[in-house]
Amino acid sequence: GPELAITGDATALGAVILGEEPQAFRFLIGCAGWAPGQLEAELAAGAWLPADVDLSLVLDVDPDAQWDKAYEKTIGATAVAFTSTRGGSA
């Protein structure tokens, strides 16, 4: 979105750390990768829940609550609403 940026550039990271850029940021580190066609197949299978980027969700929500809040914003209900308390399999 126009309010967010993602970078792996060391110069950009240095600008944020040194206070030369806006200070609302999340620093994440990791690696994700897919085999050719894997992501498309996962999307087609419904394994992902695509949603619009929400600046407040990214910067204002506690990281431990982000998945739940994103799910609720996208679906309109919490994930627990689809959980059965009855015995047996779902």
Protein backbone atom coordinates (compact mmCIF):
# COMPACT_ATOMS: atom_id res chain seq x y z
CA GLY A 1 0.00 0.00 0.00
CA PRO A 2 1.04 3.64 -0.25
CA GLU A 3 1.70 3.86 3.50
CA LEU A 4 3.91 0.78 3.88
CA ALA A 5 7.16 -0.43 2.43
CA ILE A 6 9.15 -3.63 2.69
CA THR A 7 12.86 -3.70 2.09
CA GLY A 8 15.91 -5.82 2.53
CA ASP A 9 18.17 -2.88 1.71
CA ALA A 10 20.80 -2.19 4.39
CA THR A 11 20.90 1.56 3.59
CA ALA A 12 17.13 1.87 4.15
CA LEU A 13 17.38 -0.09 7.40
CA GLY A 14 20.22 2.18 8.55
CA ALA A 15 18.10 5.27 7.82
CA VAL A 16 15.33 3.94 10.07
CA ILE A 17 17.73 2.97 12.85
CA LEU A 18 19.47 6.36 12.73
CA GLY A 19 16.16 8.23 12.78
CA GLU A 20 16.41 9.61 9.25
CA GLU A 21 13.12 8.02 8.22
CA PRO A 22 9.68 7.72 9.88
CA GLN A 23 9.89 5.85 13.15
CA ALA A 24 6.74 3.74 12.88
CA PHE A 25 8.20 0.42 11.82
CA ARG A 26 8.32 -3.30 12.51
CA PHE A 27 11.59 -5.12 12.10
CA LEU A 28 11.11 -8.70 10.96
CA ILE A 29 13.72 -11.18 9.96
CA GLY A 30 13.27 -14.53 8.34
CA CYS A 31 13.07 -16.39 5.11
CA ALA A 32 10.15 -17.80 3.15
CA GLY A 33 10.25 -19.61 -0.13
CA TRP A 34 8.10 -21.73 -2.37
CA ALA A 35 8.85 -24.19 -5.13
CA PRO A 36 7.68 -23.12 -8.60
CA GLY A 37 3.88 -23.15 -8.65
CA GLN A 38 3.59 -24.04 -4.95
CA LEU A 39 2.12 -20.70 -3.81
CA GLU A 40 -0.40 -20.68 -6.66
CA ALA A 41 -1.47 -24.21 -5.73
CA GLU A 42 -1.82 -23.26 -2.06
CA LEU A 43 -3.94 -20.22 -3.00
CA ALA A 44 -6.14 -22.37 -5.25
CA ALA A 45 -6.57 -24.90 -2.41
CA GLY A 46 -7.70 -22.15 -0.02
CA ALA A 47 -4.68 -22.51 2.27
CA TRP A 48 -4.20 -18.72 2.33
CA LEU A 49 -6.63 -15.97 3.24
CA PRO A 50 -5.69 -12.98 1.06
CA ALA A 51 -6.62 -9.59 2.49
CA ASP A 52 -5.92 -5.92 1.95
CA VAL A 53 -3.01 -4.37 3.83
CA ASP A 54 -4.13 -2.47 6.95
CA LEU A 55 -1.59 -0.01 8.35
CA SER A 56 -3.08 -0.03 11.85
CA LEU A 57 -3.06 -3.83 11.90
CA VAL A 58 0.62 -3.89 10.97
CA LEU A 59 1.83 -1.14 13.31
CA ASP A 60 -0.68 -0.81 16.15
CA VAL A 61 -1.68 -4.38 17.04
CA ASP A 62 0.41 -6.46 19.41
CA PRO A 63 2.34 -8.97 17.26
CA ASP A 64 0.97 -11.85 19.35
CA ALA A 65 -2.58 -10.79 18.41
CA GLN A 66 -2.04 -9.89 14.74
CA TRP A 67 -3.13 -13.21 13.23
CA ASP A 68 -6.37 -13.25 15.23
CA LYS A 69 -7.12 -9.58 14.47
CA ALA A 70 -6.38 -10.02 10.75
CA TYR A 71 -8.62 -13.08 10.60
CA GLU A 72 -11.44 -11.28 12.38
CA LYS A 73 -11.13 -8.21 10.14
CA THR A 74 -11.17 -10.32 6.98
CA ILE A 75 -13.84 -12.88 7.91
CA GLY A 76 -15.96 -10.80 10.28
CA ALA A 77 -15.72 -13.34 13.11
CA THR A 78 -12.98 -14.77 15.28
CA ALA A 79 -11.48 -18.15 14.39
CA VAL A 80 -12.83 -19.56 17.65
CA ALA A 81 -16.35 -18.99 16.28
CA PHE A 82 -15.71 -21.95 13.99
CA THR A 83 -14.44 -24.24 16.75
CA SER A 84 -16.69 -26.95 18.12
CA THR A 85 -16.76 -27.67 21.84
CA ARG A 86 -18.45 -31.01 21.23
CA GLY A 87 -16.53 -34.25 21.16
CA GLY A 88 -15.70 -36.06 17.96
CA SER A 89 -14.10 -34.82 14.80
CA ALA A 90 -14.89 -31.65 12.94
